[in-house]
N, C-alpha and C. Protein backbone atom coordinates (compact mmCIF):
# COMPACT_ATOMS: atom_id res chain seq x y z
N MET A 1 100.13 103.13 75.30
CA MET A 1 99.16 102.59 74.35
C MET A 1 97.94 103.51 74.31
N MET A 2 97.45 103.80 73.12
CA MET A 2 96.29 104.68 72.96
C MET A 2 95.12 103.89 72.39
N ARG A 3 93.92 104.41 72.63
CA ARG A 3 92.73 103.83 72.02
C ARG A 3 91.80 104.96 71.64
N LEU A 4 90.86 104.67 70.75
CA LEU A 4 89.90 105.69 70.36
C LEU A 4 89.06 106.09 71.56
N ALA A 5 88.85 107.38 71.71
CA ALA A 5 88.05 107.87 72.83
C ALA A 5 86.58 107.53 72.62
N PRO A 6 85.88 107.05 73.66
CA PRO A 6 84.50 106.63 73.48
C PRO A 6 83.54 107.75 73.16
N TYR A 7 83.90 109.00 73.51
CA TYR A 7 82.96 110.08 73.27
C TYR A 7 83.10 110.70 71.88
N THR A 8 83.97 110.16 71.03
CA THR A 8 84.11 110.74 69.70
C THR A 8 82.84 110.57 68.88
N SER A 9 82.01 109.56 69.20
CA SER A 9 80.78 109.36 68.46
C SER A 9 79.66 110.27 68.95
N SER A 10 79.84 110.90 70.12
CA SER A 10 78.82 111.81 70.62
C SER A 10 79.42 113.22 70.72
N ARG A 11 79.92 113.70 69.62
CA ARG A 11 80.65 114.96 69.56
C ARG A 11 80.00 116.17 70.23
N PRO A 12 78.65 116.29 70.24
CA PRO A 12 78.11 117.50 70.85
C PRO A 12 78.38 117.61 72.35
N PHE A 13 78.71 116.50 73.01
CA PHE A 13 78.77 116.53 74.47
C PHE A 13 80.19 116.51 75.01
N VAL A 14 80.41 117.40 75.97
CA VAL A 14 81.63 117.41 76.76
C VAL A 14 81.34 116.55 77.99
N THR A 15 82.35 115.91 78.55
CA THR A 15 82.15 115.07 79.73
C THR A 15 82.78 115.73 80.96
N PRO A 16 82.26 115.40 82.15
CA PRO A 16 82.90 115.91 83.37
C PRO A 16 84.37 115.48 83.48
N LEU A 17 84.71 114.33 82.93
CA LEU A 17 86.11 113.89 82.93
C LEU A 17 86.98 114.85 82.13
N MET A 18 86.44 115.36 81.02
CA MET A 18 87.20 116.32 80.21
C MET A 18 87.40 117.62 80.98
N VAL A 19 86.38 118.03 81.74
CA VAL A 19 86.52 119.24 82.56
C VAL A 19 87.58 119.02 83.64
N LYS A 20 87.56 117.84 84.24
CA LYS A 20 88.58 117.49 85.25
C LYS A 20 89.97 117.59 84.63
N GLU A 21 90.14 117.02 83.44
CA GLU A 21 91.44 117.07 82.76
C GLU A 21 91.81 118.50 82.37
N TYR A 22 90.82 119.30 81.98
CA TYR A 22 91.06 120.71 81.64
C TYR A 22 91.68 121.44 82.83
N VAL A 23 91.14 121.20 84.02
CA VAL A 23 91.66 121.87 85.22
C VAL A 23 93.07 121.39 85.53
N TYR A 24 93.34 120.11 85.30
CA TYR A 24 94.69 119.57 85.54
C TYR A 24 95.67 120.13 84.51
N CYS A 25 95.29 120.05 83.23
CA CYS A 25 96.12 120.59 82.13
C CYS A 25 95.23 120.77 80.91
N PRO A 26 95.04 121.99 80.42
CA PRO A 26 94.13 122.23 79.29
C PRO A 26 94.51 121.49 78.00
N ALA A 27 95.76 121.05 77.88
CA ALA A 27 96.16 120.33 76.66
C ALA A 27 95.52 118.95 76.59
N ILE A 28 95.21 118.35 77.73
CA ILE A 28 94.69 116.97 77.74
C ILE A 28 93.35 116.86 77.02
N PRO A 29 92.32 117.66 77.38
CA PRO A 29 91.06 117.52 76.63
C PRO A 29 91.20 117.92 75.17
N TRP A 30 92.11 118.86 74.88
CA TRP A 30 92.33 119.25 73.48
C TRP A 30 92.84 118.04 72.69
N ILE A 31 93.81 117.33 73.24
CA ILE A 31 94.36 116.13 72.58
C ILE A 31 93.28 115.08 72.42
N GLN A 32 92.53 114.81 73.49
CA GLN A 32 91.48 113.79 73.44
C GLN A 32 90.44 114.12 72.38
N TRP A 33 90.02 115.37 72.32
CA TRP A 33 88.96 115.78 71.39
C TRP A 33 89.46 115.82 69.96
N ASN A 34 90.64 116.41 69.76
CA ASN A 34 91.13 116.63 68.40
C ASN A 34 91.87 115.44 67.80
N TYR A 35 92.48 114.62 68.63
CA TYR A 35 93.14 113.42 68.14
C TYR A 35 92.25 112.19 68.26
N GLY A 36 91.16 112.32 69.03
CA GLY A 36 90.22 111.21 69.20
C GLY A 36 90.82 110.02 69.93
N VAL A 37 91.72 110.30 70.88
CA VAL A 37 92.36 109.21 71.62
C VAL A 37 92.24 109.44 73.12
N GLU A 38 92.41 108.37 73.84
CA GLU A 38 92.57 108.44 75.28
C GLU A 38 93.56 107.36 75.68
N PRO A 39 94.22 107.52 76.83
CA PRO A 39 95.19 106.50 77.23
C PRO A 39 94.50 105.22 77.69
N GLU A 40 95.18 104.11 77.48
CA GLU A 40 94.71 102.84 78.05
C GLU A 40 94.80 102.96 79.57
N PRO A 41 93.83 102.41 80.30
CA PRO A 41 93.92 102.46 81.76
C PRO A 41 95.15 101.69 82.26
N THR A 42 95.84 102.28 83.23
CA THR A 42 96.98 101.61 83.84
C THR A 42 96.47 100.57 84.83
N PRO A 43 97.33 99.63 85.25
CA PRO A 43 96.90 98.66 86.27
C PRO A 43 96.36 99.32 87.54
N SER A 44 96.99 100.43 87.97
CA SER A 44 96.51 101.10 89.19
C SER A 44 95.15 101.75 88.96
N MET A 45 94.90 102.26 87.73
CA MET A 45 93.58 102.83 87.42
C MET A 45 92.52 101.73 87.46
N GLU A 46 92.85 100.58 86.89
CA GLU A 46 91.89 99.47 86.89
C GLU A 46 91.65 98.96 88.31
N GLU A 47 92.71 98.94 89.10
CA GLU A 47 92.58 98.51 90.49
C GLU A 47 91.69 99.49 91.26
N GLY A 48 91.89 100.79 91.01
CA GLY A 48 91.07 101.81 91.66
C GLY A 48 89.62 101.70 91.27
N SER A 49 89.36 101.44 89.99
CA SER A 49 87.99 101.27 89.51
C SER A 49 87.36 100.04 90.13
N GLY A 50 88.13 98.96 90.22
CA GLY A 50 87.61 97.73 90.83
C GLY A 50 87.32 97.91 92.31
N ALA A 51 88.13 98.72 92.99
CA ALA A 51 87.93 98.96 94.42
C ALA A 51 86.77 99.92 94.66
N LYS A 52 86.48 100.73 93.66
CA LYS A 52 85.48 101.79 93.81
C LYS A 52 84.06 101.27 93.85
N VAL A 53 83.69 100.44 92.89
CA VAL A 53 82.29 100.04 92.73
C VAL A 53 81.72 99.38 93.98
N PRO A 54 82.39 98.37 94.57
CA PRO A 54 81.81 97.76 95.76
C PRO A 54 81.71 98.72 96.95
N ARG A 55 82.56 99.75 96.97
CA ARG A 55 82.59 100.68 98.10
C ARG A 55 81.59 101.82 97.99
N LEU A 56 81.01 102.05 96.84
CA LEU A 56 80.15 103.22 96.66
C LEU A 56 79.01 103.28 97.68
N SER A 57 78.33 102.17 97.89
CA SER A 57 77.21 102.15 98.84
C SER A 57 77.69 102.45 100.26
N GLU A 58 78.83 101.87 100.61
CA GLU A 58 79.42 102.10 101.93
C GLU A 58 79.82 103.57 102.11
N VAL A 59 80.46 104.15 101.09
CA VAL A 59 80.87 105.55 101.16
C VAL A 59 79.65 106.46 101.21
N ALA A 60 78.60 106.12 100.46
CA ALA A 60 77.36 106.90 100.50
C ALA A 60 76.78 106.92 101.91
N ASP A 61 76.85 105.78 102.60
CA ASP A 61 76.41 105.72 104.01
C ASP A 61 77.28 106.63 104.88
N GLU A 62 78.60 106.55 104.68
CA GLU A 62 79.54 107.31 105.51
C GLU A 62 79.33 108.81 105.39
N VAL A 63 79.02 109.30 104.18
CA VAL A 63 78.87 110.75 103.99
C VAL A 63 77.43 111.21 104.23
N GLY A 64 76.52 110.27 104.46
CA GLY A 64 75.12 110.64 104.71
C GLY A 64 74.36 111.03 103.46
N LEU A 65 74.70 110.41 102.33
CA LEU A 65 73.96 110.69 101.09
C LEU A 65 72.51 110.27 101.29
N PRO A 66 71.55 111.17 100.97
CA PRO A 66 70.15 110.84 101.24
C PRO A 66 69.63 109.68 100.39
N GLU A 67 68.57 109.07 100.86
CA GLU A 67 67.87 108.00 100.14
C GLU A 67 66.74 108.63 99.34
N PRO A 68 66.25 107.98 98.29
CA PRO A 68 66.79 106.79 97.64
C PRO A 68 68.06 107.15 96.86
N ARG A 69 68.87 106.14 96.63
CA ARG A 69 70.15 106.36 95.96
C ARG A 69 70.21 105.62 94.64
N ARG A 70 70.91 106.24 93.69
CA ARG A 70 71.19 105.60 92.41
C ARG A 70 72.69 105.66 92.18
N PHE A 71 73.24 104.52 91.79
CA PHE A 71 74.69 104.43 91.60
C PHE A 71 75.03 104.30 90.12
N GLU A 72 76.19 104.90 89.76
CA GLU A 72 76.67 104.83 88.37
C GLU A 72 75.56 105.29 87.41
N LEU A 73 75.00 106.44 87.71
CA LEU A 73 73.86 106.97 86.94
C LEU A 73 74.36 107.81 85.77
N PHE A 74 73.98 107.41 84.55
CA PHE A 74 74.38 108.16 83.35
C PHE A 74 73.37 109.27 83.10
N ILE A 75 73.87 110.50 82.95
CA ILE A 75 73.00 111.67 82.76
C ILE A 75 73.44 112.41 81.50
N VAL A 76 72.45 112.84 80.72
CA VAL A 76 72.69 113.69 79.55
C VAL A 76 72.03 115.04 79.82
N ASP A 77 72.85 116.07 79.89
CA ASP A 77 72.38 117.44 80.13
C ASP A 77 72.47 118.19 78.80
N ARG A 78 71.35 118.26 78.09
CA ARG A 78 71.34 118.91 76.79
C ARG A 78 71.40 120.44 76.90
N VAL A 79 71.02 120.97 78.04
CA VAL A 79 71.07 122.43 78.25
C VAL A 79 72.51 122.92 78.18
N HIS A 80 73.41 122.20 78.85
CA HIS A 80 74.82 122.61 78.90
C HIS A 80 75.72 121.82 77.94
N GLY A 81 75.15 120.81 77.26
CA GLY A 81 75.94 120.02 76.32
C GLY A 81 76.96 119.13 77.00
N ILE A 82 76.57 118.51 78.13
CA ILE A 82 77.48 117.63 78.86
C ILE A 82 76.78 116.31 79.18
N SER A 83 77.57 115.26 79.25
CA SER A 83 77.01 113.96 79.62
C SER A 83 78.07 113.18 80.37
N GLY A 84 77.62 112.33 81.28
CA GLY A 84 78.56 111.52 82.03
C GLY A 84 77.89 110.66 83.07
N ARG A 85 78.69 109.79 83.66
CA ARG A 85 78.20 108.84 84.66
C ARG A 85 78.58 109.31 86.06
N VAL A 86 77.57 109.60 86.87
CA VAL A 86 77.77 110.08 88.24
C VAL A 86 77.94 108.86 89.16
N ASP A 87 78.91 108.91 90.06
CA ASP A 87 79.12 107.78 90.98
C ASP A 87 77.86 107.47 91.78
N ALA A 88 77.28 108.49 92.41
CA ALA A 88 76.06 108.26 93.19
C ALA A 88 75.26 109.55 93.32
N VAL A 89 73.94 109.40 93.23
CA VAL A 89 73.01 110.50 93.45
C VAL A 89 71.98 110.01 94.46
N GLY A 90 71.70 110.82 95.47
CA GLY A 90 70.70 110.44 96.46
C GLY A 90 69.74 111.57 96.72
N GLY A 91 68.50 111.21 97.07
CA GLY A 91 67.51 112.22 97.40
C GLY A 91 66.35 112.23 96.43
N SER A 92 65.61 113.34 96.45
CA SER A 92 64.42 113.48 95.61
C SER A 92 64.24 114.94 95.23
N CYS A 93 63.35 115.19 94.27
CA CYS A 93 63.07 116.57 93.85
C CYS A 93 62.55 117.40 95.01
N ARG A 94 61.71 116.80 95.83
CA ARG A 94 61.08 117.53 96.93
C ARG A 94 62.11 117.92 98.01
N ARG A 95 62.98 116.98 98.37
CA ARG A 95 63.95 117.22 99.45
C ARG A 95 65.30 117.70 98.95
N GLY A 96 65.51 117.61 97.64
CA GLY A 96 66.80 117.97 97.07
C GLY A 96 67.72 116.77 96.96
N PHE A 97 68.73 116.90 96.12
CA PHE A 97 69.64 115.79 95.84
C PHE A 97 71.02 116.03 96.44
N GLY A 98 71.70 114.94 96.72
CA GLY A 98 73.11 114.95 97.06
C GLY A 98 73.86 114.20 95.98
N VAL A 99 75.08 114.62 95.69
CA VAL A 99 75.90 114.00 94.64
C VAL A 99 77.21 113.54 95.27
N LEU A 100 77.65 112.34 94.91
CA LEU A 100 78.89 111.78 95.45
C LEU A 100 79.86 111.45 94.32
N GLU A 101 81.08 111.94 94.46
CA GLU A 101 82.19 111.55 93.58
C GLU A 101 83.25 110.91 94.47
N TYR A 102 83.62 109.68 94.15
CA TYR A 102 84.52 108.90 95.02
C TYR A 102 85.76 108.45 94.26
N LYS A 103 86.91 108.71 94.85
CA LYS A 103 88.20 108.23 94.34
C LYS A 103 88.79 107.31 95.40
N ALA A 104 89.05 106.07 95.03
CA ALA A 104 89.46 105.05 96.01
C ALA A 104 90.81 105.37 96.66
N PHE A 105 91.75 105.91 95.88
CA PHE A 105 93.10 106.10 96.40
C PHE A 105 93.36 107.56 96.76
N PRO A 106 94.12 107.82 97.83
CA PRO A 106 94.42 109.20 98.22
C PRO A 106 95.29 109.89 97.17
N ARG A 107 95.07 111.18 97.02
CA ARG A 107 95.86 112.02 96.10
C ARG A 107 96.25 113.29 96.83
N ARG A 108 97.36 113.86 96.42
CA ARG A 108 97.80 115.12 97.02
C ARG A 108 96.96 116.29 96.52
N ARG A 109 96.76 116.31 95.21
CA ARG A 109 95.99 117.41 94.60
C ARG A 109 94.56 116.94 94.34
N VAL A 110 93.59 117.78 94.70
CA VAL A 110 92.19 117.39 94.47
C VAL A 110 91.40 118.45 93.70
N ARG A 111 92.06 119.54 93.32
CA ARG A 111 91.34 120.63 92.65
C ARG A 111 90.63 120.16 91.39
N HIS A 112 91.26 119.30 90.60
CA HIS A 112 90.63 118.83 89.36
C HIS A 112 89.48 117.87 89.65
N PHE A 113 89.58 117.11 90.76
CA PHE A 113 88.46 116.24 91.14
C PHE A 113 87.27 117.08 91.63
N ARG A 114 87.57 118.19 92.31
CA ARG A 114 86.51 119.11 92.74
C ARG A 114 85.77 119.65 91.53
N ALA A 115 86.50 120.02 90.48
CA ALA A 115 85.88 120.53 89.26
C ALA A 115 84.95 119.48 88.65
N GLN A 116 85.39 118.23 88.65
CA GLN A 116 84.58 117.14 88.12
C GLN A 116 83.27 117.02 88.91
N LEU A 117 83.36 117.09 90.24
CA LEU A 117 82.17 117.02 91.09
C LEU A 117 81.23 118.19 90.80
N LEU A 118 81.77 119.40 90.65
CA LEU A 118 80.92 120.56 90.37
C LEU A 118 80.11 120.36 89.10
N VAL A 119 80.72 119.77 88.08
CA VAL A 119 80.00 119.54 86.82
C VAL A 119 78.91 118.49 87.02
N TYR A 120 79.20 117.44 87.79
CA TYR A 120 78.15 116.46 88.10
C TYR A 120 77.00 117.13 88.84
N MET A 121 77.31 118.00 89.77
CA MET A 121 76.27 118.72 90.52
C MET A 121 75.41 119.56 89.58
N LEU A 122 76.06 120.24 88.63
CA LEU A 122 75.34 121.04 87.64
C LEU A 122 74.41 120.17 86.81
N MET A 123 74.90 119.03 86.36
CA MET A 123 74.09 118.12 85.55
C MET A 123 72.86 117.63 86.31
N VAL A 124 73.06 117.19 87.54
CA VAL A 124 71.94 116.69 88.35
C VAL A 124 70.95 117.82 88.60
N ASN A 125 71.46 119.00 88.92
CA ASN A 125 70.60 120.16 89.19
C ASN A 125 69.75 120.51 87.97
N THR A 126 70.32 120.38 86.78
CA THR A 126 69.62 120.72 85.54
C THR A 126 68.62 119.64 85.13
N VAL A 127 69.01 118.38 85.25
CA VAL A 127 68.21 117.28 84.70
C VAL A 127 67.23 116.68 85.72
N LEU A 128 67.69 116.46 86.95
CA LEU A 128 66.85 115.77 87.93
C LEU A 128 66.11 116.70 88.87
N GLY A 129 66.77 117.75 89.32
CA GLY A 129 66.15 118.66 90.28
C GLY A 129 67.20 119.30 91.17
N PRO A 130 66.76 120.11 92.13
CA PRO A 130 67.70 120.91 92.91
C PRO A 130 68.70 120.08 93.72
N VAL A 131 69.96 120.43 93.57
CA VAL A 131 71.03 119.78 94.34
C VAL A 131 71.28 120.62 95.59
N ARG A 132 71.44 119.94 96.70
CA ARG A 132 71.75 120.61 97.97
C ARG A 132 73.26 120.58 98.26
N LYS A 133 73.86 119.38 98.11
CA LYS A 133 75.28 119.22 98.47
C LYS A 133 75.97 118.27 97.51
N GLY A 134 77.27 118.47 97.41
CA GLY A 134 78.13 117.53 96.71
C GLY A 134 79.17 117.00 97.69
N HIS A 135 79.51 115.74 97.54
CA HIS A 135 80.51 115.11 98.41
C HIS A 135 81.65 114.58 97.54
N LEU A 136 82.86 115.02 97.84
CA LEU A 136 84.05 114.50 97.17
C LEU A 136 84.84 113.70 98.19
N VAL A 137 85.00 112.42 97.95
CA VAL A 137 85.79 111.56 98.83
C VAL A 137 86.99 111.06 98.04
N VAL A 138 88.18 111.44 98.50
CA VAL A 138 89.43 111.02 97.85
C VAL A 138 90.26 110.32 98.92
N GLY A 139 90.32 108.99 98.83
CA GLY A 139 90.98 108.23 99.91
C GLY A 139 90.19 108.42 101.19
N ASP A 140 90.84 108.99 102.21
CA ASP A 140 90.13 109.23 103.48
C ASP A 140 89.74 110.70 103.66
N ARG A 141 89.94 111.52 102.63
CA ARG A 141 89.53 112.93 102.69
C ARG A 141 88.09 113.08 102.21
N HIS A 142 87.33 113.92 102.89
CA HIS A 142 85.93 114.15 102.53
C HIS A 142 85.69 115.66 102.46
N LEU A 143 85.36 116.13 101.27
CA LEU A 143 85.08 117.54 101.04
C LEU A 143 83.59 117.69 100.74
N VAL A 144 82.91 118.58 101.47
CA VAL A 144 81.48 118.83 101.26
C VAL A 144 81.34 120.20 100.60
N ILE A 145 80.58 120.25 99.51
CA ILE A 145 80.37 121.50 98.77
C ILE A 145 78.88 121.79 98.72
N GLU A 146 78.50 122.95 99.25
CA GLU A 146 77.10 123.39 99.17
C GLU A 146 76.82 123.85 97.74
N ALA A 147 75.65 123.49 97.24
CA ALA A 147 75.30 123.83 95.85
C ALA A 147 74.70 125.23 95.77
N THR A 148 75.55 126.22 95.95
CA THR A 148 75.10 127.62 95.86
C THR A 148 75.05 128.05 94.39
N GLU A 149 74.46 129.21 94.15
CA GLU A 149 74.44 129.77 92.79
C GLU A 149 75.86 129.98 92.29
N GLU A 150 76.74 130.41 93.18
CA GLU A 150 78.13 130.67 92.80
C GLU A 150 78.82 129.38 92.36
N VAL A 151 78.58 128.30 93.10
CA VAL A 151 79.21 127.01 92.79
C VAL A 151 78.70 126.49 91.45
N LEU A 152 77.39 126.56 91.23
CA LEU A 152 76.83 126.08 89.95
C LEU A 152 77.28 126.99 88.80
N GLY A 153 77.43 128.28 89.08
CA GLY A 153 77.96 129.21 88.08
C GLY A 153 79.40 128.89 87.73
N GLU A 154 80.19 128.51 88.74
CA GLU A 154 81.58 128.10 88.50
C GLU A 154 81.62 126.87 87.61
N ALA A 155 80.71 125.92 87.86
CA ALA A 155 80.65 124.71 87.03
C ALA A 155 80.33 125.07 85.58
N GLU A 156 79.39 125.99 85.37
CA GLU A 156 79.05 126.42 84.00
C GLU A 156 80.25 127.05 83.33
N GLN A 157 80.99 127.87 84.07
CA GLN A 157 82.18 128.52 83.50
C GLN A 157 83.24 127.49 83.12
N LEU A 158 83.42 126.47 83.96
CA LEU A 158 84.39 125.41 83.65
C LEU A 158 84.01 124.64 82.39
N VAL A 159 82.71 124.36 82.24
CA VAL A 159 82.24 123.65 81.04
C VAL A 159 82.50 124.51 79.80
N GLU A 160 82.15 125.79 79.88
CA GLU A 160 82.36 126.68 78.73
C GLU A 160 83.84 126.85 78.40
N ALA A 161 84.67 126.95 79.43
CA ALA A 161 86.12 127.08 79.20
C ALA A 161 86.68 125.83 78.52
N THR A 162 86.19 124.66 78.94
CA THR A 162 86.63 123.40 78.33
C THR A 162 86.21 123.35 76.87
N LYS A 163 84.98 123.78 76.59
CA LYS A 163 84.50 123.79 75.19
C LYS A 163 85.34 124.72 74.33
N ARG A 164 85.69 125.90 74.88
CA ARG A 164 86.51 126.84 74.11
C ARG A 164 87.86 126.22 73.78
N VAL A 165 88.45 125.53 74.75
CA VAL A 165 89.77 124.92 74.55
C VAL A 165 89.73 123.83 73.49
N ILE A 166 88.76 122.92 73.58
CA ILE A 166 88.75 121.79 72.64
C ILE A 166 88.46 122.21 71.21
N HIS A 167 87.80 123.36 71.05
CA HIS A 167 87.47 123.82 69.70
C HIS A 167 88.52 124.77 69.10
N ARG A 168 89.60 124.99 69.82
CA ARG A 168 90.70 125.80 69.28
C ARG A 168 91.36 125.05 68.12
N PRO A 169 91.84 125.77 67.10
CA PRO A 169 92.55 125.08 66.02
C PRO A 169 93.91 124.54 66.46
N ASP A 170 94.53 125.22 67.42
CA ASP A 170 95.83 124.79 67.96
C ASP A 170 95.67 124.47 69.44
N PRO A 171 96.57 123.67 70.00
CA PRO A 171 96.47 123.38 71.44
C PRO A 171 96.62 124.65 72.27
N PRO A 172 96.02 124.67 73.45
CA PRO A 172 96.10 125.86 74.29
C PRO A 172 97.51 126.08 74.81
N PRO A 173 97.88 127.33 75.08
CA PRO A 173 99.20 127.57 75.68
C PRO A 173 99.23 126.97 77.08
N VAL A 174 100.24 126.19 77.35
CA VAL A 174 100.36 125.50 78.64
C VAL A 174 101.77 125.70 79.16
N HIS A 175 101.88 126.03 80.44
CA HIS A 175 103.20 126.10 81.08
C HIS A 175 103.60 124.67 81.41
N VAL A 176 104.60 124.16 80.70
CA VAL A 176 105.02 122.77 80.88
C VAL A 176 105.75 122.62 82.21
N VAL A 177 105.20 121.76 83.06
CA VAL A 177 105.83 121.44 84.35
C VAL A 177 106.22 119.97 84.28
N GLU A 178 107.52 119.73 84.21
CA GLU A 178 108.00 118.36 83.97
C GLU A 178 107.49 117.37 85.01
N ALA A 179 107.42 117.80 86.27
CA ALA A 179 106.94 116.89 87.32
C ALA A 179 105.50 116.47 87.06
N LYS A 180 104.71 117.40 86.54
CA LYS A 180 103.30 117.11 86.23
C LYS A 180 103.20 116.29 84.94
N CYS A 181 103.96 116.69 83.94
CA CYS A 181 103.92 116.01 82.64
C CYS A 181 104.37 114.55 82.75
N SER A 182 105.29 114.28 83.66
CA SER A 182 105.80 112.91 83.77
C SER A 182 104.71 111.92 84.17
N TYR A 183 103.63 112.39 84.80
CA TYR A 183 102.52 111.52 85.19
C TYR A 183 101.47 111.40 84.09
N CYS A 184 101.53 112.26 83.09
CA CYS A 184 100.48 112.30 82.06
C CYS A 184 100.62 111.12 81.10
N LEU A 185 99.52 110.41 80.91
CA LEU A 185 99.53 109.24 80.01
C LEU A 185 99.48 109.64 78.54
N LEU A 186 99.26 110.92 78.26
CA LEU A 186 99.23 111.39 76.87
C LEU A 186 100.51 112.14 76.49
N ARG A 187 101.52 112.11 77.36
CA ARG A 187 102.72 112.91 77.11
C ARG A 187 103.43 112.56 75.80
N LYS A 188 103.32 111.30 75.36
CA LYS A 188 104.02 110.89 74.14
C LYS A 188 103.38 111.48 72.89
N VAL A 189 102.10 111.86 72.97
CA VAL A 189 101.44 112.45 71.80
C VAL A 189 101.15 113.93 72.00
N CYS A 190 101.66 114.50 73.08
CA CYS A 190 101.34 115.90 73.41
C CYS A 190 102.13 116.85 72.51
N PRO A 191 101.43 117.64 71.68
CA PRO A 191 102.14 118.57 70.80
C PRO A 191 102.76 119.74 71.56
N VAL A 192 102.24 120.05 72.72
CA VAL A 192 102.79 121.15 73.52
C VAL A 192 104.14 120.72 74.11
N ARG A 193 104.16 119.55 74.71
CA ARG A 193 105.38 119.05 75.35
C ARG A 193 106.46 118.74 74.32
N SER A 194 106.05 118.25 73.16
CA SER A 194 107.04 117.89 72.13
C SER A 194 107.62 119.12 71.43
N GLY A 195 107.01 120.28 71.67
CA GLY A 195 107.52 121.51 71.07
C GLY A 195 106.97 121.81 69.69
N VAL A 196 106.03 121.00 69.20
CA VAL A 196 105.45 121.23 67.87
C VAL A 196 104.79 122.60 67.80
N TYR A 197 104.12 122.98 68.91
CA TYR A 197 103.42 124.27 68.94
C TYR A 197 104.10 125.26 69.88
N ALA A 198 105.36 125.06 70.17
CA ALA A 198 106.06 125.94 71.11
C ALA A 198 106.24 127.32 70.51
């Protein structure tokens, strides 16, 4: 089941979720942007979201996110043309900020979640003030990322790469991996997988 994507009304902005999907498979943000659809959340996605919100404060304590903390903070970064809701931000301009991205259930692959966190770090660094660290918690795994110039530069490159992909007239070339595609909720409308653009 598909539904209209919520960001179609705010066309100038790319979201960190789109960057995450770009890293997983570049065809996904292209489909979302150009077809204006996103998949309906599955029961496990809704369960994960329900498990996430009450745990955010607890996870922030576990990773040592500085005080004061703000949860589910929506940020618009007009400099980079990105907007999204950060799970948690802690700290201040004077002492620097920490950013938390939390996934309730364990996953084997986390590279795309790392990309999502990097973009949140870039947004906070641009809009609120200097970021010191980012924390990615996926199940019981905890990855700490120092906010170096290289890391923030990588985030900028990911945002720009995502923008280039979504503005292509045709979907990006993608190496179809059936094991990966079988998990994709957009596989039924994917022009790459269906061979329309093969």
